[in-house]
Amino acid sequence: MDTMQDANNLNDYFIQKKFELLIEMKNKKFAGEIASLHSMVNKLNEEISELKKNLSNAPRPRAEAPASSAQSNFRAAEQQKSEPIKPRFGDYEPKDVAIEKFFYFGNKTK
């Protein structure tokens, strides 16, 4: 009987050691992954601070640049577009209202 109990105790000891080794291996793996993530976060923080520094040192565009003739023409066209369309009464010409818009001269079976 003693040998059976010694064998069971030995098996329990080996199983316990096996679990300890597996847990230790997983802990080392997680520690390595956490260290890797920590270095990535530090690298990203450095890049962000570098970008902020570059933005603060970058020359700012002037608020008012002299307008060219194309820009002034574009602004004038925009102002004309923004004015409300006013209906016109009277003084119609034939080019204002095309007769084709009122009458359909095509095939009626379509």
PDB file of N, CA and C in Angstrom:
ATOM      1  N   MET A   1       0.795  -1.191   0.000  1.00  0.00           N
ATOM      2  CA  MET A   1       0.000   0.000   0.000  1.00  0.00           C
ATOM      3  C   MET A   1       0.841   1.259   0.000  1.00  0.00           C
ATOM      4  N   ASP A   2       1.914   1.157   0.674  1.00  0.00           N
ATOM      5  CA  ASP A   2       2.773   2.323   0.773  1.00  0.00           C
ATOM      6  C   ASP A   2       3.305   2.759  -0.585  1.00  0.00           C
ATOM      7  N   THR A   3       3.604   1.809  -1.434  1.00  0.00           N
ATOM      8  CA  THR A   3       4.115   2.142  -2.754  1.00  0.00           C
ATOM      9  C   THR A   3       3.043   2.818  -3.607  1.00  0.00           C
ATOM     10  N   MET A   4       1.794   2.412  -3.438  1.00  0.00           N
ATOM     11  CA  MET A   4       0.683   3.048  -4.164  1.00  0.00           C
ATOM     12  C   MET A   4       0.522   4.506  -3.733  1.00  0.00           C
ATOM     13  N   GLN A   5       0.602   4.706  -2.459  1.00  0.00           N
ATOM     14  CA  GLN A   5       0.436   6.062  -1.939  1.00  0.00           C
ATOM     15  C   GLN A   5       1.622   6.920  -2.369  1.00  0.00           C
ATOM     16  N   ASP A   6       2.809   6.353  -2.378  1.00  0.00           N
ATOM     17  CA  ASP A   6       4.005   7.090  -2.832  1.00  0.00           C
ATOM     18  C   ASP A   6       3.891   7.429  -4.318  1.00  0.00           C
ATOM     19  N   ALA A   7       3.343   6.520  -5.117  1.00  0.00           N
ATOM     20  CA  ALA A   7       3.166   6.764  -6.547  1.00  0.00           C
ATOM     21  C   ALA A   7       2.145   7.868  -6.776  1.00  0.00           C
ATOM     22  N   ASN A   8       1.047   7.831  -6.001  1.00  0.00           N
ATOM     23  CA  ASN A   8       0.034   8.895  -6.131  1.00  0.00           C
ATOM     24  C   ASN A   8       0.602  10.242  -5.711  1.00  0.00           C
ATOM     25  N   ASN A   9       1.377  10.256  -4.635  1.00  0.00           N
ATOM     26  CA  ASN A   9       1.993  11.503  -4.181  1.00  0.00           C
ATOM     27  C   ASN A   9       2.978  12.027  -5.223  1.00  0.00           C
ATOM     28  N   LEU A  10       3.713  11.107  -5.835  1.00  0.00           N
ATOM     29  CA  LEU A  10       4.673  11.492  -6.872  1.00  0.00           C
ATOM     30  C   LEU A  10       3.950  12.051  -8.092  1.00  0.00           C
ATOM     31  N   ASN A  11       2.840  11.400  -8.487  1.00  0.00           N
ATOM     32  CA  ASN A  11       2.051  11.902  -9.619  1.00  0.00           C
ATOM     33  C   ASN A  11       1.465  13.279  -9.302  1.00  0.00           C
ATOM     34  N   ASP A  12       0.964  13.451  -8.086  1.00  0.00           N
ATOM     35  CA  ASP A  12       0.423  14.757  -7.689  1.00  0.00           C
ATOM     36  C   ASP A  12       1.513  15.831  -7.731  1.00  0.00           C
ATOM     37  N   TYR A  13       2.718  15.458  -7.267  1.00  0.00           N
ATOM     38  CA  TYR A  13       3.834  16.399  -7.272  1.00  0.00           C
ATOM     39  C   TYR A  13       4.196  16.802  -8.701  1.00  0.00           C
ATOM     40  N   PHE A  14       4.266  15.823  -9.620  1.00  0.00           N
ATOM     41  CA  PHE A  14       4.605  16.121 -11.017  1.00  0.00           C
ATOM     42  C   PHE A  14       3.516  16.975 -11.679  1.00  0.00           C
ATOM     43  N   ILE A  15       2.269  16.671 -11.387  1.00  0.00           N
ATOM     44  CA  ILE A  15       1.155  17.457 -11.950  1.00  0.00           C
ATOM     45  C   ILE A  15       1.226  18.900 -11.442  1.00  0.00           C
ATOM     46  N   GLN A  16       1.517  19.055 -10.152  1.00  0.00           N
ATOM     47  CA  GLN A  16       1.632  20.390  -9.571  1.00  0.00           C
ATOM     48  C   GLN A  16       2.789  21.153 -10.214  1.00  0.00           C
ATOM     49  N   LYS A  17       3.927  20.514 -10.393  1.00  0.00           N
ATOM     50  CA  LYS A  17       5.083  21.159 -11.024  1.00  0.00           C
ATOM     51  C   LYS A  17       4.775  21.518 -12.480  1.00  0.00           C
ATOM     52  N   LYS A  18       4.053  20.631 -13.159  1.00  0.00           N
ATOM     53  CA  LYS A  18       3.687  20.887 -14.552  1.00  0.00           C
ATOM     54  C   LYS A  18       2.814  22.141 -14.652  1.00  0.00           C
ATOM     55  N   PHE A  19       1.824  22.249 -13.761  1.00  0.00           N
ATOM     56  CA  PHE A  19       0.966  23.435 -13.748  1.00  0.00           C
ATOM     57  C   PHE A  19       1.766  24.697 -13.414  1.00  0.00           C
ATOM     58  N   GLU A  20       2.680  24.587 -12.471  1.00  0.00           N
ATOM     59  CA  GLU A  20       3.506  25.746 -12.116  1.00  0.00           C
ATOM     60  C   GLU A  20       4.333  26.215 -13.310  1.00  0.00           C
ATOM     61  N   LEU A  21       4.907  25.248 -14.044  1.00  0.00           N
ATOM     62  CA  LEU A  21       5.704  25.603 -15.225  1.00  0.00           C
ATOM     63  C   LEU A  21       4.837  26.231 -16.312  1.00  0.00           C
ATOM     64  N   LEU A  22       3.647  25.682 -16.548  1.00  0.00           N
ATOM     65  CA  LEU A  22       2.744  26.252 -17.558  1.00  0.00           C
ATOM     66  C   LEU A  22       2.334  27.664 -17.183  1.00  0.00           C
ATOM     67  N   ILE A  23       2.009  27.869 -15.917  1.00  0.00           N
ATOM     68  CA  ILE A  23       1.606  29.207 -15.466  1.00  0.00           C
ATOM     69  C   ILE A  23       2.767  30.182 -15.592  1.00  0.00           C
ATOM     70  N   GLU A  24       3.967  29.727 -15.235  1.00  0.00           N
ATOM     71  CA  GLU A  24       5.150  30.587 -15.342  1.00  0.00           C
ATOM     72  C   GLU A  24       5.417  30.963 -16.799  1.00  0.00           C
ATOM     73  N   MET A  25       5.270  29.992 -17.719  1.00  0.00           N
ATOM     74  CA  MET A  25       5.486  30.277 -19.143  1.00  0.00           C
ATOM     75  C   MET A  25       4.462  31.296 -19.647  1.00  0.00           C
ATOM     76  N   LYS A  26       3.197  31.128 -19.262  1.00  0.00           N
ATOM     77  CA  LYS A  26       2.156  32.075 -19.695  1.00  0.00           C
ATOM     78  C   LYS A  26       2.417  33.463 -19.124  1.00  0.00           C
ATOM     79  N   ASN A  27       2.838  33.528 -17.865  1.00  0.00           N
ATOM     80  CA  ASN A  27       3.135  34.826 -17.252  1.00  0.00           C
ATOM     81  C   ASN A  27       4.266  35.541 -17.983  1.00  0.00           C
ATOM     82  N   LYS A  28       5.309  34.784 -18.370  1.00  0.00           N
ATOM     83  CA  LYS A  28       6.415  35.385 -19.116  1.00  0.00           C
ATOM     84  C   LYS A  28       5.951  35.875 -20.480  1.00  0.00           C
ATOM     85  N   LYS A  29       5.071  35.086 -21.117  1.00  0.00           N
ATOM     86  CA  LYS A  29       4.550  35.481 -22.422  1.00  0.00           C
ATOM     87  C   LYS A  29       3.735  36.769 -22.305  1.00  0.00           C
ATOM     88  N   PHE A  30       2.855  36.838 -21.296  1.00  0.00           N
ATOM     89  CA  PHE A  30       2.049  38.046 -21.106  1.00  0.00           C
ATOM     90  C   PHE A  30       2.916  39.245 -20.751  1.00  0.00           C
ATOM     91  N   ALA A  31       3.941  39.034 -19.949  1.00  0.00           N
ATOM     92  CA  ALA A  31       4.848  40.127 -19.584  1.00  0.00           C
ATOM     93  C   ALA A  31       5.553  40.667 -20.823  1.00  0.00           C
ATOM     94  N   GLY A  32       5.959  39.751 -21.713  1.00  0.00           N
ATOM     95  CA  GLY A  32       6.605  40.179 -22.954  1.00  0.00           C
ATOM     96  C   GLY A  32       5.655  40.974 -23.840  1.00  0.00           C
ATOM     97  N   GLU A  33       4.399  40.520 -23.942  1.00  0.00           N
ATOM     98  CA  GLU A  33       3.413  41.237 -24.751  1.00  0.00           C
ATOM     99  C   GLU A  33       3.105  42.604 -24.155  1.00  0.00           C
ATOM    100  N   ILE A  34       3.005  42.683 -22.837  1.00  0.00           N
ATOM    101  CA  ILE A  34       2.741  43.971 -22.183  1.00  0.00           C
ATOM    102  C   ILE A  34       3.912  44.922 -22.401  1.00  0.00           C
ATOM    103  N   ALA A  35       5.131  44.405 -22.308  1.00  0.00           N
ATOM    104  CA  ALA A  35       6.309  45.246 -22.557  1.00  0.00           C
ATOM    105  C   ALA A  35       6.314  45.749 -23.998  1.00  0.00           C
ATOM    106  N   SER A  36       5.930  44.887 -24.932  1.00  0.00           N
ATOM    107  CA  SER A  36       5.867  45.280 -26.342  1.00  0.00           C
ATOM    108  C   SER A  36       4.822  46.383 -26.547  1.00  0.00           C
ATOM    109  N   LEU A  37       3.650  46.209 -25.954  1.00  0.00           N
ATOM    110  CA  LEU A  37       2.605  47.233 -26.064  1.00  0.00           C
ATOM    111  C   LEU A  37       3.044  48.542 -25.419  1.00  0.00           C
ATOM    112  N   HIS A  38       3.736  48.446 -24.289  1.00  0.00           N
ATOM    113  CA  HIS A  38       4.219  49.644 -23.605  1.00  0.00           C
ATOM    114  C   HIS A  38       5.203  50.411 -24.491  1.00  0.00           C
ATOM    115  N   SER A  39       6.103  49.694 -25.167  1.00  0.00           N
ATOM    116  CA  SER A  39       7.059  50.369 -26.057  1.00  0.00           C
ATOM    117  C   SER A  39       6.343  50.991 -27.255  1.00  0.00           C
ATOM    118  N   MET A  40       5.296  50.321 -27.765  1.00  0.00           N
ATOM    119  CA  MET A  40       4.531  50.902 -28.872  1.00  0.00           C
ATOM    120  C   MET A  40       3.838  52.183 -28.456  1.00  0.00           C
ATOM    121  N   VAL A  41       3.257  52.184 -27.259  1.00  0.00           N
ATOM    122  CA  VAL A  41       2.574  53.382 -26.764  1.00  0.00           C
ATOM    123  C   VAL A  41       3.580  54.515 -26.594  1.00  0.00           C
ATOM    124  N   ASN A  42       4.745  54.222 -26.061  1.00  0.00           N
ATOM    125  CA  ASN A  42       5.780  55.253 -25.916  1.00  0.00           C
ATOM    126  C   ASN A  42       6.206  55.803 -27.270  1.00  0.00           C
ATOM    127  N   LYS A  43       6.353  54.920 -28.255  1.00  0.00           N
ATOM    128  CA  LYS A  43       6.755  55.353 -29.600  1.00  0.00           C
ATOM    129  C   LYS A  43       5.673  56.256 -30.209  1.00  0.00           C
ATOM    130  N   LEU A  44       4.400  55.874 -30.043  1.00  0.00           N
ATOM    131  CA  LEU A  44       3.314  56.700 -30.571  1.00  0.00           C
ATOM    132  C   LEU A  44       3.254  58.052 -29.870  1.00  0.00           C
ATOM    133  N   ASN A  45       3.495  58.078 -28.563  1.00  0.00           N
ATOM    134  CA  ASN A  45       3.526  59.349 -27.840  1.00  0.00           C
ATOM    135  C   ASN A  45       4.643  60.252 -28.362  1.00  0.00           C
ATOM    136  N   GLU A  46       5.796  59.668 -28.652  1.00  0.00           N
ATOM    137  CA  GLU A  46       6.902  60.453 -29.206  1.00  0.00           C
ATOM    138  C   GLU A  46       6.539  61.014 -30.580  1.00  0.00           C
ATOM    139  N   GLU A  47       5.892  60.185 -31.409  1.00  0.00           N
ATOM    140  CA  GLU A  47       5.493  60.653 -32.739  1.00  0.00           C
ATOM    141  C   GLU A  47       4.459  61.768 -32.643  1.00  0.00           C
ATOM    142  N   ILE A  48       3.532  61.646 -31.723  1.00  0.00           N
ATOM    143  CA  ILE A  48       2.518  62.695 -31.545  1.00  0.00           C
ATOM    144  C   ILE A  48       3.169  63.990 -31.101  1.00  0.00           C
ATOM    145  N   SER A  49       4.084  63.915 -30.147  1.00  0.00           N
ATOM    146  CA  SER A  49       4.757  65.132 -29.697  1.00  0.00           C
ATOM    147  C   SER A  49       5.592  65.740 -30.823  1.00  0.00           C
ATOM    148  N   GLU A  50       6.198  64.895 -31.659  1.00  0.00           N
ATOM    149  CA  GLU A  50       6.965  65.383 -32.818  1.00  0.00           C
ATOM    150  C   GLU A  50       6.049  66.110 -33.801  1.00  0.00           C
ATOM    151  N   LEU A  51       4.869  65.526 -34.069  1.00  0.00           N
ATOM    152  CA  LEU A  51       3.914  66.158 -34.981  1.00  0.00           C
ATOM    153  C   LEU A  51       3.411  67.484 -34.424  1.00  0.00           C
ATOM    154  N   LYS A  52       3.135  67.525 -33.131  1.00  0.00           N
ATOM    155  CA  LYS A  52       2.691  68.788 -32.509  1.00  0.00           C
ATOM    156  C   LYS A  52       3.766  69.849 -32.618  1.00  0.00           C
ATOM    157  N   LYS A  53       5.023  69.427 -32.413  1.00  0.00           N
ATOM    158  CA  LYS A  53       6.133  70.379 -32.520  1.00  0.00           C
ATOM    159  C   LYS A  53       6.253  70.895 -33.948  1.00  0.00           C
ATOM    160  N   ASN A  54       6.098  69.995 -34.920  1.00  0.00           N
ATOM    161  CA  ASN A  54       6.177  70.403 -36.330  1.00  0.00           C
ATOM    162  C   ASN A  54       5.041  71.350 -36.692  1.00  0.00           C
ATOM    163  N   LEU A  55       3.851  71.101 -36.159  1.00  0.00           N
ATOM    164  CA  LEU A  55       2.720  71.978 -36.442  1.00  0.00           C
ATOM    165  C   LEU A  55       2.910  73.355 -35.823  1.00  0.00           C
ATOM    166  N   SER A  56       3.471  73.396 -34.638  1.00  0.00           N
ATOM    167  CA  SER A  56       3.666  74.694 -33.995  1.00  0.00           C
ATOM    168  C   SER A  56       4.773  75.492 -34.672  1.00  0.00           C
ATOM    169  N   ASN A  57       5.741  74.810 -35.271  1.00  0.00           N
ATOM    170  CA  ASN A  57       6.841  75.491 -35.956  1.00  0.00           C
ATOM    171  C   ASN A  57       6.527  75.801 -37.413  1.00  0.00           C
ATOM    172  N   ALA A  58       5.462  75.230 -37.950  1.00  0.00           N
ATOM    173  CA  ALA A  58       5.127  75.431 -39.361  1.00  0.00           C
ATOM    174  C   ALA A  58       4.667  76.867 -39.587  1.00  0.00           C
ATOM    175  N   PRO A  59       5.043  77.449 -40.738  1.00  0.00           N
ATOM    176  CA  PRO A  59       4.585  78.811 -41.029  1.00  0.00           C
ATOM    177  C   PRO A  59       3.077  78.822 -41.265  1.00  0.00           C
ATOM    178  N   ARG A  60       2.433  79.820 -40.737  1.00  0.00           N
ATOM    179  CA  ARG A  60       0.981  79.937 -40.869  1.00  0.00           C
ATOM    180  C   ARG A  60       0.650  80.704 -42.148  1.00  0.00           C
ATOM    181  N   PRO A  61      -0.389  80.299 -42.874  1.00  0.00           N
ATOM    182  CA  PRO A  61      -0.770  81.040 -44.078  1.00  0.00           C
ATOM    183  C   PRO A  61      -1.344  82.403 -43.698  1.00  0.00           C
ATOM    184  N   ARG A  62      -1.143  83.348 -44.575  1.00  0.00           N
ATOM    185  CA  ARG A  62      -1.667  84.691 -44.325  1.00  0.00           C
ATOM    186  C   ARG A  62      -3.179  84.671 -44.346  1.00  0.00           C
ATOM    187  N   ALA A  63      -3.766  85.469 -43.487  1.00  0.00           N
ATOM    188  CA  ALA A  63      -5.228  85.528 -43.404  1.00  0.00           C
ATOM    189  C   ALA A  63      -5.802  86.225 -44.630  1.00  0.00           C
ATOM    190  N   GLU A  64      -5.149  87.297 -45.070  1.00  0.00           N
ATOM    191  CA  GLU A  64      -5.661  88.043 -46.228  1.00  0.00           C
ATOM    192  C   GLU A  64      -4.602  88.051 -47.325  1.00  0.00           C
ATOM    193  N   ALA A  65      -4.885  87.372 -48.391  1.00  0.00           N
ATOM    194  CA  ALA A  65      -4.002  87.369 -49.544  1.00  0.00           C
ATOM    195  C   ALA A  65      -4.602  88.297 -50.591  1.00  0.00           C
ATOM    196  N   PRO A  66      -3.774  88.965 -51.380  1.00  0.00           N
ATOM    197  CA  PRO A  66      -4.335  89.829 -52.411  1.00  0.00           C
ATOM    198  C   PRO A  66      -5.149  89.016 -53.413  1.00  0.00           C
ATOM    199  N   ALA A  67      -6.341  89.484 -53.725  1.00  0.00           N
ATOM    200  CA  ALA A  67      -7.243  88.758 -54.614  1.00  0.00           C
ATOM    201  C   ALA A  67      -6.842  88.956 -56.069  1.00  0.00           C
ATOM    202  N   SER A  68      -6.796  87.869 -56.798  1.00  0.00           N
ATOM    203  CA  SER A  68      -6.502  87.968 -58.220  1.00  0.00           C
ATOM    204  C   SER A  68      -7.800  88.241 -58.961  1.00  0.00           C
ATOM    205  N   SER A  69      -7.700  88.488 -60.247  1.00  0.00           N
ATOM    206  CA  SER A  69      -8.900  88.789 -61.024  1.00  0.00           C
ATOM    207  C   SER A  69      -9.805  87.571 -61.109  1.00  0.00           C
ATOM    208  N   ALA A  70      -9.241  86.372 -61.168  1.00  0.00           N
ATOM    209  CA  ALA A  70     -10.060  85.161 -61.223  1.00  0.00           C
ATOM    210  C   ALA A  70     -10.834  84.987 -59.922  1.00  0.00           C
ATOM    211  N   GLN A  71     -10.164  85.266 -58.806  1.00  0.00           N
ATOM    212  CA  GLN A  71     -10.852  85.154 -57.519  1.00  0.00           C
ATOM    213  C   GLN A  71     -11.956  86.192 -57.398  1.00  0.00           C
ATOM    214  N   SER A  72     -11.707  87.404 -57.874  1.00  0.00           N
ATOM    215  CA  SER A  72     -12.737  88.435 -57.777  1.00  0.00           C
ATOM    216  C   SER A  72     -13.917  88.102 -58.683  1.00  0.00           C
ATOM    217  N   ASN A  73     -13.651  87.523 -59.868  1.00  0.00           N
ATOM    218  CA  ASN A  73     -14.743  87.095 -60.756  1.00  0.00           C
ATOM    219  C   ASN A  73     -15.553  85.976 -60.108  1.00  0.00           C
ATOM    220  N   PHE A  74     -14.861  85.066 -59.451  1.00  0.00           N
ATOM    221  CA  PHE A  74     -15.553  83.960 -58.780  1.00  0.00           C
ATOM    222  C   PHE A  74     -16.422  84.488 -57.655  1.00  0.00           C
ATOM    223  N   ARG A  75     -15.898  85.431 -56.880  1.00  0.00           N
ATOM    224  CA  ARG A  75     -16.686  86.009 -55.777  1.00  0.00           C
ATOM    225  C   ARG A  75     -17.905  86.742 -56.304  1.00  0.00           C
ATOM    226  N   ALA A  76     -17.748  87.460 -57.423  1.00  0.00           N
ATOM    227  CA  ALA A  76     -18.880  88.175 -58.007  1.00  0.00           C
ATOM    228  C   ALA A  76     -19.943  87.190 -58.477  1.00  0.00           C
ATOM    229  N   ALA A  77     -19.516  86.077 -59.065  1.00  0.00           N
ATOM    230  CA  ALA A  77     -20.463  85.062 -59.520  1.00  0.00           C
ATOM    231  C   ALA A  77     -21.177  84.436 -58.331  1.00  0.00           C
ATOM    232  N   GLU A  78     -20.457  84.227 -57.233  1.00  0.00           N
ATOM    233  CA  GLU A  78     -21.087  83.664 -56.030  1.00  0.00           C
ATOM    234  C   GLU A  78     -22.126  84.628 -55.465  1.00  0.00           C
ATOM    235  N   GLN A  79     -21.826  85.914 -55.478  1.00  0.00           N
ATOM    236  CA  GLN A  79     -22.773  86.899 -54.966  1.00  0.00           C
ATOM    237  C   GLN A  79     -24.023  86.931 -55.824  1.00  0.00           C
ATOM    238  N   GLN A  80     -23.854  86.789 -57.142  1.00  0.00           N
ATOM    239  CA  GLN A  80     -25.013  86.777 -58.021  1.00  0.00           C
ATOM    240  C   GLN A  80     -25.859  85.539 -57.771  1.00  0.00           C
ATOM    241  N   LYS A  81     -25.214  84.409 -57.479  1.00  0.00           N
ATOM    242  CA  LYS A  81     -25.952  83.176 -57.213  1.00  0.00           C
ATOM    243  C   LYS A  81     -26.707  83.265 -55.896  1.00  0.00           C
ATOM    244  N   SER A  82     -26.139  83.971 -54.941  1.00  0.00           N
ATOM    245  CA  SER A  82     -26.763  84.029 -53.630  1.00  0.00           C
ATOM    246  C   SER A  82     -27.976  84.965 -53.605  1.00  0.00           C
ATOM    247  N   GLU A  83     -28.091  85.847 -54.582  1.00  0.00           N
ATOM    248  CA  GLU A  83     -29.260  86.731 -54.629  1.00  0.00           C
ATOM    249  C   GLU A  83     -30.496  85.902 -54.953  1.00  0.00           C
ATOM    250  N   PRO A  84     -31.611  86.194 -54.316  1.00  0.00           N
ATOM    251  CA  PRO A  84     -32.826  85.420 -54.587  1.00  0.00           C
ATOM    252  C   PRO A  84     -33.330  85.672 -56.005  1.00  0.00           C
ATOM    253  N   ILE A  85     -33.903  84.646 -56.592  1.00  0.00           N
ATOM    254  CA  ILE A  85     -34.446  84.754 -57.944  1.00  0.00           C
ATOM    255  C   ILE A  85     -35.790  85.472 -57.856  1.00  0.00           C
ATOM    256  N   LYS A  86     -35.876  86.525 -58.612  1.00  0.00           N
ATOM    257  CA  LYS A  86     -37.112  87.316 -58.594  1.00  0.00           C
ATOM    258  C   LYS A  86     -37.909  86.995 -59.853  1.00  0.00           C
ATOM    259  N   PRO A  87     -39.196  86.725 -59.718  1.00  0.00           N
ATOM    260  CA  PRO A  87     -39.997  86.453 -60.925  1.00  0.00           C
ATOM    261  C   PRO A  87     -40.134  87.724 -61.764  1.00  0.00           C
ATOM    262  N   ARG A  88     -40.202  87.514 -63.060  1.00  0.00           N
ATOM    263  CA  ARG A  88     -40.288  88.648 -63.977  1.00  0.00           C
ATOM    264  C   ARG A  88     -41.713  88.738 -64.503  1.00  0.00           C
ATOM    265  N   PHE A  89     -42.230  89.933 -64.592  1.00  0.00           N
ATOM    266  CA  PHE A  89     -43.581  90.161 -65.106  1.00  0.00           C
ATOM    267  C   PHE A  89     -43.490  90.969 -66.392  1.00  0.00           C
ATOM    268  N   GLY A  90     -44.048  90.397 -67.440  1.00  0.00           N
ATOM    269  CA  GLY A  90     -44.080  91.118 -68.723  1.00  0.00           C
ATOM    270  C   GLY A  90     -42.735  91.134 -69.403  1.00  0.00           C
ATOM    271  N   ASP A  91     -42.659  91.852 -70.522  1.00  0.00           N
ATOM    272  CA  ASP A  91     -41.436  92.000 -71.327  1.00  0.00           C
ATOM    273  C   ASP A  91     -40.838  90.646 -71.712  1.00  0.00           C
ATOM    274  N   TYR A  92     -41.684  89.684 -72.086  1.00  0.00           N
ATOM    275  CA  TYR A  92     -41.195  88.383 -72.527  1.00  0.00           C
ATOM    276  C   TYR A  92     -40.776  88.462 -73.985  1.00  0.00           C
ATOM    277  N   GLU A  93     -39.763  87.702 -74.311  1.00  0.00           N
ATOM    278  CA  GLU A  93     -39.288  87.611 -75.680  1.00  0.00           C
ATOM    279  C   GLU A  93     -39.382  86.146 -76.100  1.00  0.00           C
ATOM    280  N   PRO A  94     -39.397  85.865 -77.395  1.00  0.00           N
ATOM    281  CA  PRO A  94     -39.499  84.476 -77.858  1.00  0.00           C
ATOM    282  C   PRO A  94     -38.360  83.586 -77.333  1.00  0.00           C
ATOM    283  N   LYS A  95     -37.191  84.138 -77.130  1.00  0.00           N
ATOM    284  CA  LYS A  95     -36.077  83.311 -76.622  1.00  0.00           C
ATOM    285  C   LYS A  95     -36.264  82.945 -75.149  1.00  0.00           C
ATOM    286  N   ASP A  96     -37.101  83.706 -74.417  1.00  0.00           N
ATOM    287  CA  ASP A  96     -37.352  83.404 -73.012  1.00  0.00           C
ATOM    288  C   ASP A  96     -38.186  82.138 -72.837  1.00  0.00           C
ATOM    289  N   VAL A  97     -39.150  81.920 -73.721  1.00  0.00           N
ATOM    290  CA  VAL A  97     -40.048  80.776 -73.614  1.00  0.00           C
ATOM    291  C   VAL A  97     -40.036  80.037 -74.947  1.00  0.00           C
ATOM    292  N   ALA A  98     -39.441  78.856 -74.960  1.00  0.00           N
ATOM    293  CA  ALA A  98     -39.389  78.059 -76.180  1.00  0.00           C
ATOM    294  C   ALA A  98     -40.690  77.284 -76.321  1.00  0.00           C
ATOM    295  N   ILE A  99     -41.248  77.250 -77.518  1.00  0.00           N
ATOM    296  CA  ILE A  99     -42.525  76.576 -77.753  1.00  0.00           C
ATOM    297  C   ILE A  99     -42.400  75.069 -77.570  1.00  0.00           C
ATOM    298  N   GLU A 100     -41.176  74.514 -77.744  1.00  0.00           N
ATOM    299  CA  GLU A 100     -40.962  73.086 -77.564  1.00  0.00           C
ATOM    300  C   GLU A 100     -41.204  72.659 -76.116  1.00  0.00           C
ATOM    301  N   LYS A 101     -41.105  73.582 -75.190  1.00  0.00           N
ATOM    302  CA  LYS A 101     -41.331  73.251 -73.792  1.00  0.00           C
ATOM    303  C   LYS A 101     -42.816  73.073 -73.492  1.00  0.00           C
ATOM    304  N   PHE A 102     -43.682  73.659 -74.321  1.00  0.00           N
ATOM    305  CA  PHE A 102     -45.122  73.569 -74.082  1.00  0.00           C
ATOM    306  C   PHE A 102     -45.788  72.480 -74.910  1.00  0.00           C
ATOM    307  N   PHE A 103     -45.257  72.211 -76.086  1.00  0.00           N
ATOM    308  CA  PHE A 103     -45.876  71.240 -76.983  1.00  0.00           C
ATOM    309  C   PHE A 103     -44.896  70.132 -77.292  1.00  0.00           C
ATOM    310  N   TYR A 104     -45.408  68.918 -77.311  1.00  0.00           N
ATOM    311  CA  TYR A 104     -44.597  67.759 -77.637  1.00  0.00           C
ATOM    312  C   TYR A 104     -44.883  67.364 -79.071  1.00  0.00           C
ATOM    313  N   PHE A 105     -43.858  67.395 -79.920  1.00  0.00           N
ATOM    314  CA  PHE A 105     -44.019  67.119 -81.339  1.00  0.00           C
ATOM    315  C   PHE A 105     -43.537  65.722 -81.705  1.00  0.00           C
ATOM    316  N   GLY A 106     -43.199  64.888 -80.725  1.00  0.00           N
ATOM    317  CA  GLY A 106     -42.662  63.567 -81.025  1.00  0.00           C
ATOM    318  C   GLY A 106     -43.728  62.519 -81.170  1.00  0.00           C
ATOM    319  N   ASN A 107     -43.310  61.251 -81.139  1.00  0.00           N
ATOM    320  CA  ASN A 107     -44.193  60.105 -81.277  1.00  0.00           C
ATOM    321  C   ASN A 107     -45.031  59.957 -80.001  1.00  0.00           C
ATOM    322  N   LYS A 108     -46.366  59.874 -80.162  1.00  0.00           N
ATOM    323  CA  LYS A 108     -47.240  59.821 -79.008  1.00  0.00           C
ATOM    324  C   LYS A 108     -47.421  58.394 -78.469  1.00  0.00           C
ATOM    325  N   THR A 109     -46.911  57.390 -79.144  1.00  0.00           N
ATOM    326  CA  THR A 109     -47.108  56.014 -78.721  1.00  0.00           C
ATOM    327  C   THR A 109     -46.074  55.551 -77.705  1.00  0.00           C
ATOM    328  N   LYS A 110     -45.160  56.332 -77.349  1.00  0.00           N
ATOM    329  CA  LYS A 110     -44.103  55.932 -76.406  1.00  0.00           C
ATOM    330  C   LYS A 110     -44.640  55.774 -75.031  1.00  0.00           C
TER     331      LYS A 110
END
